[in-house]
């Protein structure tokens, strides 16, 4: 299932100054196990996320923001955290930053075939894209049953308050289709 949502001034993923989004839209995707009865899940426990490949993502500010946002969204869907005893689900996330390049060619001039004057300019723009992936794992089978992701271009120049808002916005968008409605 693929969906793109546009929210003015709201992006996703943040924590350090590198992880604030620049653009006003982001892509959200979800996938899930068709054979899973999601109505049976009532509780969850956090699993530590795997180490990030990028050191900018390894900090407590990011972890806290993402966990608070996910906790709030799951609570709104009737799931409760369980620290003692066996939960129904395990929750974890992955955060990734990738460098991208856009190349654009603009043609100028006039004329037809070899007559006239024509030239082209090529522009390259480097930017970074952040991806947040949220995984829900069945505690009994230890199998992934639901995955959601959000992706957008990153911006470095926003306040911690805006970063918090953006994390909450992308987590809400990612978890909007949980539980799946067949």
C-alpha atoms as a PDB file:
ATOM      1  CA  UNK A   1       0.000   0.000   0.000  1.00  0.00           C
ATOM      2  CA  UNK A   2       1.553   3.336  -1.004  1.00  0.00           C
ATOM      3  CA  UNK A   3       0.378   6.753  -0.021  1.00  0.00           C
ATOM      4  CA  UNK A   4       1.910  10.194  -0.155  1.00  0.00           C
ATOM      5  CA  UNK A   5       0.733  12.780   2.308  1.00  0.00           C
ATOM      6  CA  UNK A   6       1.435  16.482   2.190  1.00  0.00           C
ATOM      7  CA  UNK A   7       1.342  18.485   5.373  1.00  0.00           C
ATOM      8  CA  UNK A   8       2.531  22.082   5.242  1.00  0.00           C
ATOM      9  CA  UNK A   9       5.525  22.594   7.446  1.00  0.00           C
ATOM     10  CA  UNK A  10       5.450  19.060   8.829  1.00  0.00           C
ATOM     11  CA  UNK A  11       7.880  16.363   7.869  1.00  0.00           C
ATOM     12  CA  UNK A  12       9.310  13.526   9.876  1.00  0.00           C
ATOM     13  CA  UNK A  13      12.281  12.043  11.678  1.00  0.00           C
ATOM     14  CA  UNK A  14      14.358  14.270  13.850  1.00  0.00           C
ATOM     15  CA  UNK A  15      16.462  14.450  16.912  1.00  0.00           C
ATOM     16  CA  UNK A  16      19.774  15.998  16.115  1.00  0.00           C
ATOM     17  CA  UNK A  17      20.046  19.127  14.000  1.00  0.00           C
ATOM     18  CA  UNK A  18      20.687  16.952  10.971  1.00  0.00           C
ATOM     19  CA  UNK A  19      17.341  15.211  11.148  1.00  0.00           C
ATOM     20  CA  UNK A  20      14.751  17.885  10.537  1.00  0.00           C
ATOM     21  CA  UNK A  21      12.858  17.762   7.303  1.00  0.00           C
ATOM     22  CA  UNK A  22      12.975  20.450   4.685  1.00  0.00           C
ATOM     23  CA  UNK A  23      10.096  19.609   2.443  1.00  0.00           C
ATOM     24  CA  UNK A  24       6.399  19.595   3.164  1.00  0.00           C
ATOM     25  CA  UNK A  25       5.637  16.099   1.912  1.00  0.00           C
ATOM     26  CA  UNK A  26       6.796  12.604   2.665  1.00  0.00           C
ATOM     27  CA  UNK A  27       6.074   9.142   1.411  1.00  0.00           C
ATOM     28  CA  UNK A  28       4.459   6.564   3.687  1.00  0.00           C
ATOM     29  CA  UNK A  29       4.245   2.838   2.996  1.00  0.00           C
ATOM     30  CA  UNK A  30       2.882  -0.054   5.028  1.00  0.00           C
ATOM     31  CA  UNK A  31       2.976  -3.824   4.693  1.00  0.00           C
ATOM     32  CA  UNK A  32       1.550  -6.569   6.891  1.00  0.00           C
ATOM     33  CA  UNK A  33       0.914 -10.293   7.228  1.00  0.00           C
ATOM     34  CA  UNK A  34      -2.489 -11.055   5.685  1.00  0.00           C
ATOM     35  CA  UNK A  35      -2.988 -14.041   7.983  1.00  0.00           C
ATOM     36  CA  UNK A  36      -2.529 -12.123  11.243  1.00  0.00           C
ATOM     37  CA  UNK A  37      -5.548 -11.228  13.403  1.00  0.00           C
ATOM     38  CA  UNK A  38      -4.478  -7.813  14.657  1.00  0.00           C
ATOM     39  CA  UNK A  39      -7.513  -7.538  16.966  1.00  0.00           C
ATOM     40  CA  UNK A  40      -5.822 -10.036  19.312  1.00  0.00           C
ATOM     41  CA  UNK A  41      -2.940  -7.683  20.114  1.00  0.00           C
ATOM     42  CA  UNK A  42      -3.387  -5.682  23.312  1.00  0.00           C
ATOM     43  CA  UNK A  43       0.107  -5.069  24.676  1.00  0.00           C
ATOM     44  CA  UNK A  44       3.657  -4.423  23.491  1.00  0.00           C
ATOM     45  CA  UNK A  45       7.234  -4.080  24.677  1.00  0.00           C
ATOM     46  CA  UNK A  46      10.029  -2.133  23.052  1.00  0.00           C
ATOM     47  CA  UNK A  47      13.016  -3.898  21.559  1.00  0.00           C
ATOM     48  CA  UNK A  48      16.193  -1.877  21.287  1.00  0.00           C
ATOM     49  CA  UNK A  49      16.642  -0.714  17.696  1.00  0.00           C
ATOM     50  CA  UNK A  50      19.621  -2.150  15.856  1.00  0.00           C
ATOM     51  CA  UNK A  51      22.674   0.129  15.766  1.00  0.00           C
ATOM     52  CA  UNK A  52      22.340   2.816  13.121  1.00  0.00           C
ATOM     53  CA  UNK A  53      24.863   2.895  10.309  1.00  0.00           C
ATOM     54  CA  UNK A  54      25.101   6.663  10.647  1.00  0.00           C
ATOM     55  CA  UNK A  55      26.434   8.095  13.932  1.00  0.00           C
ATOM     56  CA  UNK A  56      24.121  11.102  13.626  1.00  0.00           C
ATOM     57  CA  UNK A  57      21.239   8.726  14.377  1.00  0.00           C
ATOM     58  CA  UNK A  58      22.815   7.233  17.499  1.00  0.00           C
ATOM     59  CA  UNK A  59      21.622   9.535  20.263  1.00  0.00           C
ATOM     60  CA  UNK A  60      19.105   9.622  23.082  1.00  0.00           C
ATOM     61  CA  UNK A  61      17.276  12.657  21.670  1.00  0.00           C
ATOM     62  CA  UNK A  62      16.153  10.715  18.605  1.00  0.00           C
ATOM     63  CA  UNK A  63      15.314   7.571  20.567  1.00  0.00           C
ATOM     64  CA  UNK A  64      13.185   9.470  23.073  1.00  0.00           C
ATOM     65  CA  UNK A  65      11.284  11.417  20.427  1.00  0.00           C
ATOM     66  CA  UNK A  66      10.497   8.361  18.349  1.00  0.00           C
ATOM     67  CA  UNK A  67       9.520   6.218  21.347  1.00  0.00           C
ATOM     68  CA  UNK A  68       7.239   8.910  22.831  1.00  0.00           C
ATOM     69  CA  UNK A  69       5.487   9.401  19.513  1.00  0.00           C
ATOM     70  CA  UNK A  70       5.038   5.653  18.914  1.00  0.00           C
ATOM     71  CA  UNK A  71       3.854   5.096  22.517  1.00  0.00           C
ATOM     72  CA  UNK A  72       1.223   7.818  22.129  1.00  0.00           C
ATOM     73  CA  UNK A  73      -0.018   6.485  18.774  1.00  0.00           C
ATOM     74  CA  UNK A  74      -0.206   2.884  20.007  1.00  0.00           C
ATOM     75  CA  UNK A  75      -2.051   4.010  23.167  1.00  0.00           C
ATOM     76  CA  UNK A  76      -4.604   5.779  20.971  1.00  0.00           C
ATOM     77  CA  UNK A  77      -5.124   2.437  19.190  1.00  0.00           C
ATOM     78  CA  UNK A  78      -5.733   0.572  22.455  1.00  0.00           C
ATOM     79  CA  UNK A  79      -2.310  -1.021  22.923  1.00  0.00           C
ATOM     80  CA  UNK A  80      -0.633  -0.782  26.319  1.00  0.00           C
ATOM     81  CA  UNK A  81       3.059  -1.092  27.147  1.00  0.00           C
ATOM     82  CA  UNK A  82       3.988  -4.147  29.196  1.00  0.00           C
ATOM     83  CA  UNK A  83       7.302  -4.163  31.035  1.00  0.00           C
ATOM     84  CA  UNK A  84       6.641  -7.346  33.030  1.00  0.00           C
ATOM     85  CA  UNK A  85       5.294 -10.573  31.573  1.00  0.00           C
ATOM     86  CA  UNK A  86       5.004 -11.536  27.935  1.00  0.00           C
ATOM     87  CA  UNK A  87       3.588  -8.840  25.598  1.00  0.00           C
ATOM     88  CA  UNK A  88       1.575  -9.559  22.462  1.00  0.00           C
ATOM     89  CA  UNK A  89       3.916  -7.505  20.253  1.00  0.00           C
ATOM     90  CA  UNK A  90       7.468  -6.276  20.196  1.00  0.00           C
ATOM     91  CA  UNK A  91       8.052  -2.826  18.714  1.00  0.00           C
ATOM     92  CA  UNK A  92      11.260  -1.490  17.219  1.00  0.00           C
ATOM     93  CA  UNK A  93      12.334   1.053  14.644  1.00  0.00           C
ATOM     94  CA  UNK A  94      15.112   1.688  12.144  1.00  0.00           C
ATOM     95  CA  UNK A  95      16.335   5.127  11.087  1.00  0.00           C
ATOM     96  CA  UNK A  96      18.398   5.679   7.961  1.00  0.00           C
ATOM     97  CA  UNK A  97      19.967   8.693   6.241  1.00  0.00           C
ATOM     98  CA  UNK A  98      20.901   8.416   2.561  1.00  0.00           C
ATOM     99  CA  UNK A  99      22.660  10.917   0.306  1.00  0.00           C
ATOM    100  CA  UNK A 100      20.889  11.524  -3.017  1.00  0.00           C
ATOM    101  CA  UNK A 101      21.682  13.524  -6.137  1.00  0.00           C
ATOM    102  CA  UNK A 102      19.169  15.141  -8.493  1.00  0.00           C
ATOM    103  CA  UNK A 103      20.466  15.903 -11.966  1.00  0.00           C
ATOM    104  CA  UNK A 104      18.542  18.254 -14.219  1.00  0.00           C
ATOM    105  CA  UNK A 105      19.400  19.206 -17.802  1.00  0.00           C
ATOM    106  CA  UNK A 106      18.049  22.388 -19.356  1.00  0.00           C
ATOM    107  CA  UNK A 107      18.293  22.924 -23.118  1.00  0.00           C
ATOM    108  CA  UNK A 108      18.508  26.430 -24.577  1.00  0.00           C
ATOM    109  CA  UNK A 109      18.677  27.802 -28.066  1.00  0.00           C
ATOM    110  CA  UNK A 110      16.856  27.866 -31.318  1.00  0.00           C
ATOM    111  CA  UNK A 111      17.116  26.327 -34.704  1.00  0.00           C
ATOM    112  CA  UNK A 112      16.468  23.047 -36.393  1.00  0.00           C
ATOM    113  CA  UNK A 113      18.974  20.176 -36.430  1.00  0.00           C
ATOM    114  CA  UNK A 114      22.378  21.546 -37.406  1.00  0.00           C
ATOM    115  CA  UNK A 115      21.153  25.057 -38.179  1.00  0.00           C
ATOM    116  CA  UNK A 116      20.932  27.549 -35.368  1.00  0.00           C
ATOM    117  CA  UNK A 117      22.439  27.689 -31.899  1.00  0.00           C
ATOM    118  CA  UNK A 118      21.730  25.242 -29.056  1.00  0.00           C
ATOM    119  CA  UNK A 119      23.379  24.517 -25.743  1.00  0.00           C
ATOM    120  CA  UNK A 120      22.559  22.706 -22.526  1.00  0.00           C
ATOM    121  CA  UNK A 121      23.264  23.227 -18.847  1.00  0.00           C
ATOM    122  CA  UNK A 122      23.392  20.415 -16.325  1.00  0.00           C
ATOM    123  CA  UNK A 123      22.634  21.049 -12.676  1.00  0.00           C
ATOM    124  CA  UNK A 124      23.383  18.586  -9.868  1.00  0.00           C
ATOM    125  CA  UNK A 125      21.887  19.001  -6.401  1.00  0.00           C
ATOM    126  CA  UNK A 126      22.932  16.846  -3.462  1.00  0.00           C
ATOM    127  CA  UNK A 127      20.576  16.314  -0.535  1.00  0.00           C
ATOM    128  CA  UNK A 128      19.866  13.828   2.215  1.00  0.00           C
ATOM    129  CA  UNK A 129      16.778  11.690   2.664  1.00  0.00           C
ATOM    130  CA  UNK A 130      15.746  10.277   6.018  1.00  0.00           C
ATOM    131  CA  UNK A 131      13.691   7.119   6.459  1.00  0.00           C
ATOM    132  CA  UNK A 132      11.938   5.947   9.620  1.00  0.00           C
ATOM    133  CA  UNK A 133      10.738   2.329   9.699  1.00  0.00           C
ATOM    134  CA  UNK A 134       8.499   1.011  12.484  1.00  0.00           C
ATOM    135  CA  UNK A 135       8.269  -2.780  12.940  1.00  0.00           C
ATOM    136  CA  UNK A 136       5.712  -4.745  14.939  1.00  0.00           C
ATOM    137  CA  UNK A 137       6.757  -8.327  15.717  1.00  0.00           C
ATOM    138  CA  UNK A 138       4.435 -11.050  17.044  1.00  0.00           C
ATOM    139  CA  UNK A 139       5.835 -11.966  20.492  1.00  0.00           C
ATOM    140  CA  UNK A 140       4.766 -15.625  20.216  1.00  0.00           C
ATOM    141  CA  UNK A 141       6.077 -16.440  16.739  1.00  0.00           C
ATOM    142  CA  UNK A 142       8.879 -13.817  16.747  1.00  0.00           C
ATOM    143  CA  UNK A 143       7.866 -12.936  13.182  1.00  0.00           C
ATOM    144  CA  UNK A 144       7.375  -9.519  11.671  1.00  0.00           C
ATOM    145  CA  UNK A 145       3.620  -8.951  11.244  1.00  0.00           C
ATOM    146  CA  UNK A 146       3.460  -5.240  10.359  1.00  0.00           C
ATOM    147  CA  UNK A 147       5.901  -2.674   8.950  1.00  0.00           C
ATOM    148  CA  UNK A 148       5.417   0.995   8.190  1.00  0.00           C
ATOM    149  CA  UNK A 149       7.871   3.535   6.831  1.00  0.00           C
ATOM    150  CA  UNK A 150       8.038   7.246   6.149  1.00  0.00           C
ATOM    151  CA  UNK A 151      10.610   9.032   4.035  1.00  0.00           C
ATOM    152  CA  UNK A 152      11.436  12.679   3.299  1.00  0.00           C
ATOM    153  CA  UNK A 153      14.209  15.110   2.503  1.00  0.00           C
ATOM    154  CA  UNK A 154      16.119  16.345   5.567  1.00  0.00           C
ATOM    155  CA  UNK A 155      16.780  19.897   6.721  1.00  0.00           C
ATOM    156  CA  UNK A 156      19.253  20.954   9.408  1.00  0.00           C
ATOM    157  CA  UNK A 157      17.760  24.250  10.501  1.00  0.00           C
ATOM    158  CA  UNK A 158      14.784  23.725  12.810  1.00  0.00           C
ATOM    159  CA  UNK A 159      14.214  23.999  16.538  1.00  0.00           C
ATOM    160  CA  UNK A 160      13.897  21.019  18.889  1.00  0.00           C
ATOM    161  CA  UNK A 161      10.178  21.810  19.213  1.00  0.00           C
ATOM    162  CA  UNK A 162       9.701  21.535  15.440  1.00  0.00           C
ATOM    163  CA  UNK A 163      11.694  18.293  15.405  1.00  0.00           C
ATOM    164  CA  UNK A 164       9.330  16.874  18.034  1.00  0.00           C
ATOM    165  CA  UNK A 165       6.316  17.939  15.944  1.00  0.00           C
ATOM    166  CA  UNK A 166       7.777  16.388  12.809  1.00  0.00           C
ATOM    167  CA  UNK A 167       8.564  13.085  14.490  1.00  0.00           C
ATOM    168  CA  UNK A 168       5.017  12.952  15.850  1.00  0.00           C
ATOM    169  CA  UNK A 169       3.582  13.765  12.425  1.00  0.00           C
ATOM    170  CA  UNK A 170       5.462  11.036  10.588  1.00  0.00           C
ATOM    171  CA  UNK A 171       4.809   8.436  13.293  1.00  0.00           C
ATOM    172  CA  UNK A 172       1.090   9.301  13.174  1.00  0.00           C
ATOM    173  CA  UNK A 173       1.134   8.970   9.374  1.00  0.00           C
ATOM    174  CA  UNK A 174       3.004   5.657   9.492  1.00  0.00           C
ATOM    175  CA  UNK A 175       0.671   4.176  12.114  1.00  0.00           C
ATOM    176  CA  UNK A 176      -2.504   5.631  10.567  1.00  0.00           C
ATOM    177  CA  UNK A 177      -3.258   2.292   8.887  1.00  0.00           C
ATOM    178  CA  UNK A 178      -2.598   0.191  11.987  1.00  0.00           C
ATOM    179  CA  UNK A 179      -4.394  -2.058  12.576  1.00  0.00           C
ATOM    180  CA  UNK A 180      -4.941  -2.886   8.909  1.00  0.00           C
ATOM    181  CA  UNK A 181      -8.497  -2.780   7.641  1.00  0.00           C
ATOM    182  CA  UNK A 182      -8.869  -5.513   5.037  1.00  0.00           C
END
